Amino acid sequence: MEIRKEVGVRDSITSKISRYRNFPMVPRVIFGRGSFDQLGEILMPKRRHSEAPFIFLVDDVFEGTPFASRIPLIFNDQVIFVSADEEPKTVQVDALVGRIKREFNELPSGIVGIGGGTLLDLAKAVSICLTNTGSSCDYQGWDLVRKPSVYHVGIPTISGTGAEVSRTTVLLGPEKKLGINSDHTTFDQVILDPDLTKGVSKEQWFYTGMDCFIHCIESLNGTYLNAFSQSYGEKALELCKEVYLGDLSLADSRDKLMMASWHGGMSIAYSQVGIAHAMSYGLSYLLGVKHGIGNCMVFQHLEEFYPKGVALFNQMMQKQKVQLPTGICSDLTDSDYKTMISVSLGMEPLWENALGKSWRDIATWKKLKSIYSRI
């Protein structure tokens, strides 16, 4: 009788514990101006031997620049320059994985992604697909990856996406835009060097920073909100206000936005984003609109759901003298709207976080079309 009672108690405790997700975090991170120059030192202990290279996936804006010469290549390491003009695609991931497997007889020592969210997502996806069979589109979803990825490092050269800290790599596939959400996605090492963001254009600086800002608004106003997410989200929001509404020096602005990005990414690790992100996926899938600006174009029309957040967003646009494109959806057909809305509504956890269990009663096709039609 006593044994049965003890087992029953243990089962009850296990049931309670299992409701909480044991999410991974980046185990090692270095922050500071000039910290990129420690990359070679960081990678050396991770090299298995001279024939197992590191593969550096680098934004092609750095090709032929002095920065490219700072990448610590030894042995048969290889740099692959990749365009970030479009959102990362599953076919792109598969092509990179195929190329690496053809050129080397064994797995590389690791993958290093250097760039914005596109390059960081590609690096995460490639590191996963080098050890898991099939196409990257097979892993779009939640917890579908079975084998650990190869060692991978993320080095952001623009701040805001949170890709450096998240367990998600968002990919545009043949049928959907959806992340590989996995415990094996998270980077093993991140280097946060604010100096690497010096060359970012004013528009890109704003759009990616607003990605972070919108992370915070959606997380802090979501039904999944908890003290863990709230603590990171509130700090990221505070930093975004300092950067976009304050009068910081350029150096301080770079430092603070990089940390806002980190905290913003952490705020959704144990929570979720919401309506702007769900609807921006539809824009990206159909029209190829990049993630940051897509979020902005949707968010400006979400006063009904995030009134205080949209008011702050408008203040930031005015302060930074930014104007969003208009008429993006003016010539779309009913079929186009159907595609965008289907992709958007497929992001069920985002809608549930934003609107609760009965989200389908609010996020109707008519409602989404009315928002898209104003973009």
Protein backbone atom coordinates (compact mmCIF):
# COMPACT_ATOMS: atom_id res chain seq x y z
CA MET A 1 0.00 0.00 0.00
CA GLU A 2 2.81 2.40 0.94
CA ILE A 3 4.67 1.65 -2.30
CA ARG A 4 1.59 2.34 -4.40
CA LYS A 5 1.03 5.58 -2.54
CA GLU A 6 4.63 6.69 -3.11
CA VAL A 7 4.42 5.87 -6.81
CA GLY A 8 1.18 7.78 -7.08
CA VAL A 9 2.77 10.84 -5.48
CA ARG A 10 5.81 10.54 -7.75
CA ASP A 11 3.58 10.28 -10.83
CA SER A 12 1.69 13.36 -9.71
CA ILE A 13 4.92 15.32 -9.27
CA THR A 14 6.23 14.15 -12.65
CA SER A 15 2.98 15.23 -14.27
CA LYS A 16 3.30 18.70 -12.81
CA ILE A 17 6.95 19.04 -13.77
CA SER A 18 6.35 17.90 -17.36
CA ARG A 19 4.20 20.96 -18.03
CA TYR A 20 7.31 23.15 -17.99
CA ARG A 21 9.59 23.14 -21.02
CA ASN A 22 13.30 22.69 -20.39
CA PHE A 23 14.54 25.05 -23.09
CA PRO A 24 18.22 25.35 -24.00
CA MET A 25 20.14 28.62 -23.86
CA VAL A 26 23.35 29.62 -25.59
CA PRO A 27 25.98 28.08 -23.27
CA ARG A 28 28.78 30.50 -24.13
CA VAL A 29 28.65 34.16 -25.12
CA ILE A 30 31.24 36.91 -25.30
CA PHE A 31 30.30 40.60 -25.51
CA GLY A 32 32.43 43.64 -26.20
CA ARG A 33 33.79 45.96 -28.85
CA GLY A 34 36.55 44.15 -30.72
CA SER A 35 35.64 40.73 -29.31
CA PHE A 36 35.41 39.29 -32.85
CA ASP A 37 39.21 39.09 -32.87
CA GLN A 38 39.03 36.34 -30.25
CA LEU A 39 37.23 34.01 -32.69
CA GLY A 40 40.35 32.05 -33.65
CA GLU A 41 41.18 31.43 -30.01
CA ILE A 42 37.61 30.31 -29.31
CA LEU A 43 37.51 27.88 -32.27
CA MET A 44 40.89 26.23 -31.73
CA PRO A 45 39.82 23.78 -28.96
CA LYS A 46 36.81 22.76 -31.08
CA ARG A 47 38.91 21.65 -34.07
CA ARG A 48 38.92 17.87 -34.24
CA HIS A 49 41.96 17.74 -36.53
CA SER A 50 43.46 19.57 -39.52
CA GLU A 51 41.22 17.79 -42.06
CA ALA A 52 37.97 18.75 -40.31
CA PRO A 53 37.52 22.40 -41.29
CA PHE A 54 35.38 25.20 -40.03
CA ILE A 55 32.93 26.48 -42.64
CA PHE A 56 32.20 30.20 -42.40
CA LEU A 57 28.89 31.33 -43.89
CA VAL A 58 29.33 35.08 -44.34
CA ASP A 59 27.08 37.85 -45.69
CA ASP A 60 28.40 38.72 -49.14
CA VAL A 61 28.45 42.44 -48.31
CA PHE A 62 31.78 41.64 -46.63
CA GLU A 63 33.33 39.99 -49.69
CA GLY A 64 36.54 41.79 -50.62
CA THR A 65 36.46 44.03 -47.53
CA PRO A 66 39.09 44.37 -44.78
CA PHE A 67 36.71 42.61 -42.41
CA ALA A 68 36.87 39.41 -44.49
CA SER A 69 40.64 39.25 -43.93
CA ARG A 70 40.02 39.15 -40.17
CA ILE A 71 38.26 35.77 -40.38
CA PRO A 72 40.74 33.35 -38.73
CA LEU A 73 41.20 30.74 -41.49
CA ILE A 74 43.69 27.91 -41.01
CA PHE A 75 44.20 24.47 -42.55
CA ASN A 76 41.43 23.89 -45.10
CA ASP A 77 38.79 26.17 -43.58
CA GLN A 78 36.42 27.63 -46.13
CA VAL A 79 34.45 30.86 -46.41
CA ILE A 80 31.18 30.76 -48.33
CA PHE A 81 29.78 34.19 -49.08
CA VAL A 82 25.97 34.20 -49.16
CA SER A 83 23.57 36.92 -50.28
CA ALA A 84 21.14 38.14 -47.65
CA ASP A 85 18.95 39.94 -50.18
CA GLU A 86 16.22 37.33 -49.76
CA GLU A 87 14.81 35.39 -46.83
CA PRO A 88 16.62 32.08 -46.13
CA LYS A 89 15.11 29.16 -48.03
CA THR A 90 15.05 25.41 -47.49
CA VAL A 91 16.46 24.86 -51.01
CA GLN A 92 19.35 27.16 -50.11
CA VAL A 93 20.07 25.17 -46.95
CA ASP A 94 19.94 21.88 -48.87
CA ALA A 95 22.32 23.25 -51.53
CA LEU A 96 24.85 24.38 -48.89
CA VAL A 97 24.67 21.04 -47.08
CA GLY A 98 25.16 19.18 -50.36
CA ARG A 99 28.15 21.34 -51.28
CA ILE A 100 29.86 20.80 -47.91
CA LYS A 101 29.31 17.04 -48.03
CA ARG A 102 30.69 16.81 -51.59
CA GLU A 103 33.81 18.83 -50.87
CA PHE A 104 34.81 17.17 -47.60
CA ASN A 105 35.10 13.51 -46.68
CA GLU A 106 33.77 14.01 -43.16
CA LEU A 107 31.76 16.40 -41.09
CA PRO A 108 33.35 19.81 -40.51
CA SER A 109 34.49 20.82 -37.05
CA GLY A 110 31.73 23.39 -37.12
CA ILE A 111 29.71 26.08 -38.87
CA VAL A 112 30.18 29.80 -38.18
CA GLY A 113 27.46 32.22 -39.28
CA ILE A 114 28.49 35.86 -39.72
CA GLY A 115 25.82 38.38 -40.69
CA GLY A 116 22.22 39.33 -39.92
CA GLY A 117 19.27 37.08 -39.21
CA THR A 118 19.40 35.45 -42.64
CA LEU A 119 22.99 34.25 -42.22
CA LEU A 120 22.46 33.19 -38.62
CA ASP A 121 19.37 31.18 -39.56
CA LEU A 122 21.23 29.56 -42.46
CA ALA A 123 24.12 28.62 -40.16
CA LYS A 124 21.75 27.02 -37.65
CA ALA A 125 19.85 25.12 -40.34
CA VAL A 126 23.00 23.87 -42.10
CA SER A 127 24.50 22.67 -38.82
CA ILE A 128 21.33 20.64 -38.17
CA CYS A 129 21.01 19.16 -41.66
CA LEU A 130 24.64 18.01 -41.77
CA THR A 131 23.77 15.41 -39.12
CA ASN A 132 20.10 14.74 -39.89
CA THR A 133 19.05 13.05 -43.13
CA GLY A 134 16.59 14.42 -45.68
CA SER A 135 15.68 17.95 -46.67
CA SER A 136 15.59 20.90 -44.30
CA CYS A 137 11.87 21.27 -45.06
CA ASP A 138 11.33 17.95 -43.26
CA TYR A 139 12.24 19.70 -40.01
CA GLN A 140 10.07 22.81 -40.32
CA GLY A 141 7.93 22.63 -37.22
CA TRP A 142 8.33 21.98 -33.52
CA ASP A 143 10.81 19.43 -32.11
CA LEU A 144 11.24 17.33 -35.25
CA VAL A 145 15.06 17.22 -35.14
CA ARG A 146 16.38 13.98 -33.65
CA LYS A 147 20.19 14.18 -33.82
CA PRO A 148 22.42 16.91 -32.37
CA SER A 149 23.80 19.41 -34.87
CA VAL A 150 27.47 20.04 -35.49
CA TYR A 151 29.12 22.71 -33.36
CA HIS A 152 27.95 26.12 -34.54
CA VAL A 153 28.76 29.74 -33.75
CA GLY A 154 26.66 32.86 -34.36
CA ILE A 155 28.17 36.31 -34.91
CA PRO A 156 25.55 39.00 -35.62
CA THR A 157 26.59 42.01 -37.69
CA ILE A 158 23.20 43.69 -37.25
CA SER A 159 21.06 43.86 -34.13
CA GLY A 160 17.39 43.17 -33.58
CA THR A 161 16.37 39.79 -34.96
CA GLY A 162 17.25 37.79 -31.86
CA ALA A 163 18.39 34.96 -34.16
CA GLU A 164 21.64 34.76 -32.20
CA VAL A 165 19.83 33.51 -29.10
CA SER A 166 16.67 31.72 -30.31
CA ARG A 167 16.02 28.00 -30.75
CA THR A 168 14.38 28.74 -34.09
CA THR A 169 15.72 29.05 -37.62
CA VAL A 170 13.02 30.52 -39.85
CA LEU A 171 13.02 29.18 -43.43
CA LEU A 172 10.92 29.75 -46.52
CA GLY A 173 9.98 26.31 -47.78
CA PRO A 174 8.13 25.08 -50.85
CA GLU A 175 4.81 25.05 -48.99
CA LYS A 176 5.24 27.35 -45.99
CA LYS A 177 7.42 29.78 -44.10
CA LEU A 178 8.11 28.13 -40.78
CA GLY A 179 10.98 27.71 -38.37
CA ILE A 180 12.96 24.68 -37.39
CA ASN A 181 12.13 24.91 -33.69
CA SER A 182 14.43 22.55 -31.85
CA ASP A 183 16.66 22.15 -28.82
CA HIS A 184 19.46 21.38 -31.30
CA THR A 185 19.06 24.72 -33.12
CA THR A 186 20.54 27.01 -30.47
CA PHE A 187 24.09 28.21 -31.08
CA ASP A 188 26.90 26.67 -29.01
CA GLN A 189 28.77 29.98 -28.97
CA VAL A 190 27.80 33.57 -29.74
CA ILE A 191 30.10 36.55 -30.19
CA LEU A 192 28.45 39.94 -29.66
CA ASP A 193 30.75 42.64 -31.02
CA PRO A 194 28.89 45.97 -31.41
CA ASP A 195 31.64 47.28 -33.71
CA LEU A 196 30.50 44.83 -36.39
CA THR A 197 27.25 46.80 -36.82
CA LYS A 198 28.95 50.06 -37.80
CA GLY A 199 28.20 49.80 -41.52
CA VAL A 200 24.46 49.10 -41.23
CA SER A 201 22.22 51.50 -43.18
CA LYS A 202 19.77 53.73 -41.31
CA GLU A 203 16.75 51.91 -42.76
CA GLN A 204 18.06 48.43 -41.93
CA TRP A 205 19.09 49.58 -38.44
CA PHE A 206 15.49 50.70 -37.89
CA TYR A 207 13.71 47.69 -39.39
CA THR A 208 15.75 45.07 -37.55
CA GLY A 209 15.56 47.07 -34.34
CA MET A 210 11.78 47.16 -34.70
CA ASP A 211 11.80 43.38 -35.03
CA CYS A 212 13.20 43.38 -31.49
CA PHE A 213 10.72 46.02 -30.32
CA ILE A 214 7.79 44.03 -31.75
CA HIS A 215 9.13 40.84 -30.10
CA CYS A 216 8.78 42.66 -26.79
CA ILE A 217 5.31 44.09 -27.41
CA GLU A 218 3.94 40.73 -28.56
CA SER A 219 5.58 38.79 -25.74
CA LEU A 220 4.57 41.24 -22.99
CA ASN A 221 0.95 41.34 -24.21
CA GLY A 222 0.61 37.63 -24.91
CA THR A 223 -1.36 34.96 -23.08
CA TYR A 224 1.84 32.90 -22.71
CA LEU A 225 3.49 35.64 -20.63
CA ASN A 226 5.30 34.55 -17.50
CA ALA A 227 7.84 36.12 -15.14
CA PHE A 228 10.77 34.68 -17.12
CA SER A 229 9.64 36.19 -20.42
CA GLN A 230 8.49 39.40 -18.75
CA SER A 231 11.86 40.11 -17.15
CA TYR A 232 13.70 39.88 -20.49
CA GLY A 233 10.95 41.60 -22.48
CA GLU A 234 10.75 44.60 -20.17
CA LYS A 235 14.51 45.12 -20.29
CA ALA A 236 14.60 44.83 -24.07
CA LEU A 237 11.73 47.30 -24.38
CA GLU A 238 13.52 49.76 -22.10
CA LEU A 239 16.66 49.51 -24.23
CA CYS A 240 14.68 49.99 -27.47
CA LYS A 241 13.18 53.17 -26.07
CA GLU A 242 16.63 54.46 -25.18
CA VAL A 243 17.96 53.72 -28.67
CA TYR A 244 15.05 54.98 -30.78
CA LEU A 245 13.61 57.75 -28.61
CA GLY A 246 16.71 58.91 -26.74
CA ASP A 247 19.81 60.83 -27.76
CA LEU A 248 22.58 58.28 -27.35
CA SER A 249 26.00 58.41 -28.94
CA LEU A 250 26.45 56.06 -31.89
CA ALA A 251 28.69 53.76 -29.87
CA ASP A 252 26.25 53.53 -26.95
CA SER A 253 23.38 53.00 -29.39
CA ARG A 254 25.19 50.04 -30.97
CA ASP A 255 25.95 48.52 -27.55
CA LYS A 256 22.42 48.89 -26.24
CA LEU A 257 20.66 47.68 -29.38
CA MET A 258 22.81 44.56 -29.44
CA MET A 259 21.77 43.80 -25.86
CA ALA A 260 18.14 44.67 -26.64
CA SER A 261 18.27 42.06 -29.41
CA TRP A 262 19.63 39.47 -26.99
CA HIS A 263 17.00 40.21 -24.34
CA GLY A 264 14.23 40.40 -26.94
CA GLY A 265 15.19 36.97 -28.25
CA MET A 266 15.21 35.59 -24.71
CA SER A 267 11.78 37.10 -24.02
CA ILE A 268 10.19 34.75 -26.57
CA ALA A 269 12.27 31.69 -25.64
CA TYR A 270 9.75 30.78 -22.95
CA SER A 271 6.87 32.64 -24.54
CA GLN A 272 5.95 33.46 -28.15
CA VAL A 273 5.50 36.30 -30.62
CA GLY A 274 2.11 37.32 -31.99
CA ILE A 275 0.02 38.84 -34.76
CA ALA A 276 2.61 40.99 -36.55
CA HIS A 277 5.00 38.07 -36.91
CA ALA A 278 2.26 35.66 -38.00
CA MET A 279 1.05 38.05 -40.69
CA SER A 280 4.54 39.06 -41.83
CA TYR A 281 5.17 35.39 -42.66
CA GLY A 282 2.35 35.65 -45.21
CA LEU A 283 3.90 38.77 -46.77
CA SER A 284 7.29 37.11 -46.94
CA TYR A 285 6.00 33.87 -48.45
CA LEU A 286 3.98 35.52 -51.22
CA LEU A 287 5.86 38.74 -51.93
CA GLY A 288 9.37 38.08 -50.61
CA VAL A 289 9.12 40.97 -48.13
CA LYS A 290 12.01 40.77 -45.67
CA HIS A 291 11.16 39.94 -42.09
CA GLY A 292 11.99 43.23 -40.33
CA ILE A 293 10.20 45.58 -42.70
CA GLY A 294 7.34 43.08 -43.03
CA ASN A 295 6.77 43.21 -39.28
CA CYS A 296 6.72 47.00 -39.42
CA MET A 297 4.27 47.13 -42.31
CA VAL A 298 1.84 44.87 -40.44
CA PHE A 299 2.36 46.30 -36.97
CA GLN A 300 1.39 49.86 -37.95
CA HIS A 301 -2.17 48.57 -38.54
CA LEU A 302 -2.58 46.62 -35.29
CA GLU A 303 -3.87 49.41 -33.00
CA GLU A 304 -6.87 47.21 -32.18
CA PHE A 305 -4.61 44.61 -30.59
CA TYR A 306 -1.54 46.55 -29.39
CA PRO A 307 -2.66 50.19 -28.91
CA LYS A 308 0.20 51.34 -26.66
CA GLY A 309 2.80 49.47 -28.71
CA VAL A 310 1.61 50.98 -32.00
CA ALA A 311 1.62 54.46 -30.45
CA LEU A 312 5.25 53.97 -29.37
CA PHE A 313 6.13 52.60 -32.80
CA ASN A 314 4.71 55.72 -34.45
CA GLN A 315 6.76 57.92 -32.11
CA MET A 316 9.90 56.01 -33.04
CA MET A 317 9.19 56.33 -36.78
CA GLN A 318 8.66 60.07 -36.38
CA LYS A 319 11.79 60.51 -34.25
CA GLN A 320 13.94 58.55 -36.73
CA LYS A 321 12.26 60.10 -39.81
CA VAL A 322 11.37 56.71 -41.30
CA GLN A 323 8.56 56.19 -43.80
CA LEU A 324 7.22 52.75 -44.64
CA PRO A 325 6.40 51.66 -48.21
CA THR A 326 2.72 51.80 -49.15
CA GLY A 327 0.50 50.02 -51.67
CA ILE A 328 2.32 46.69 -51.35
CA CYS A 329 -0.93 44.73 -51.47
CA SER A 330 -2.90 47.04 -53.76
CA ASP A 331 -2.81 44.76 -56.82
CA LEU A 332 -3.24 41.38 -55.16
CA THR A 333 -5.84 38.91 -56.36
CA ASP A 334 -8.22 36.92 -54.17
CA SER A 335 -5.95 33.93 -54.73
CA ASP A 336 -2.97 35.94 -53.45
CA TYR A 337 -4.85 36.92 -50.31
CA LYS A 338 -5.87 33.31 -49.80
CA THR A 339 -2.22 32.23 -49.93
CA MET A 340 -1.04 34.91 -47.50
CA ILE A 341 -3.84 34.29 -45.04
CA SER A 342 -3.36 30.51 -45.14
CA VAL A 343 0.36 30.87 -44.37
CA SER A 344 -0.37 33.32 -41.57
CA LEU A 345 -3.11 31.26 -39.93
CA GLY A 346 -0.80 28.25 -40.02
CA MET A 347 1.24 29.89 -37.24
CA GLU A 348 -1.14 28.63 -34.57
CA PRO A 349 1.04 29.12 -31.46
CA LEU A 350 1.54 32.77 -32.39
CA TRP A 351 -2.19 33.39 -32.69
CA GLU A 352 -2.95 31.55 -29.46
CA ASN A 353 -0.34 33.61 -27.64
CA ALA A 354 -1.84 36.81 -29.01
CA LEU A 355 -5.54 36.06 -28.63
CA GLY A 356 -5.98 33.00 -26.43
CA LYS A 357 -7.58 29.63 -27.04
CA SER A 358 -10.50 31.12 -28.98
CA TRP A 359 -8.25 32.98 -31.43
CA ARG A 360 -10.05 31.52 -34.46
CA ASP A 361 -13.16 33.49 -33.53
CA ILE A 362 -11.18 36.75 -33.84
CA ALA A 363 -8.56 36.02 -36.51
CA THR A 364 -11.03 35.46 -39.33
CA TRP A 365 -10.22 35.58 -43.03
CA LYS A 366 -12.19 38.81 -43.27
CA LYS A 367 -10.19 40.39 -40.45
CA LEU A 368 -6.82 39.41 -41.93
CA LYS A 369 -7.75 40.53 -45.41
CA SER A 370 -8.84 43.92 -44.08
CA ILE A 371 -5.40 44.36 -42.46
CA TYR A 372 -3.41 43.12 -45.46
CA SER A 373 -5.39 45.34 -47.83
CA ARG A 374 -4.18 48.47 -45.99
CA ILE A 375 -0.50 47.58 -46.41
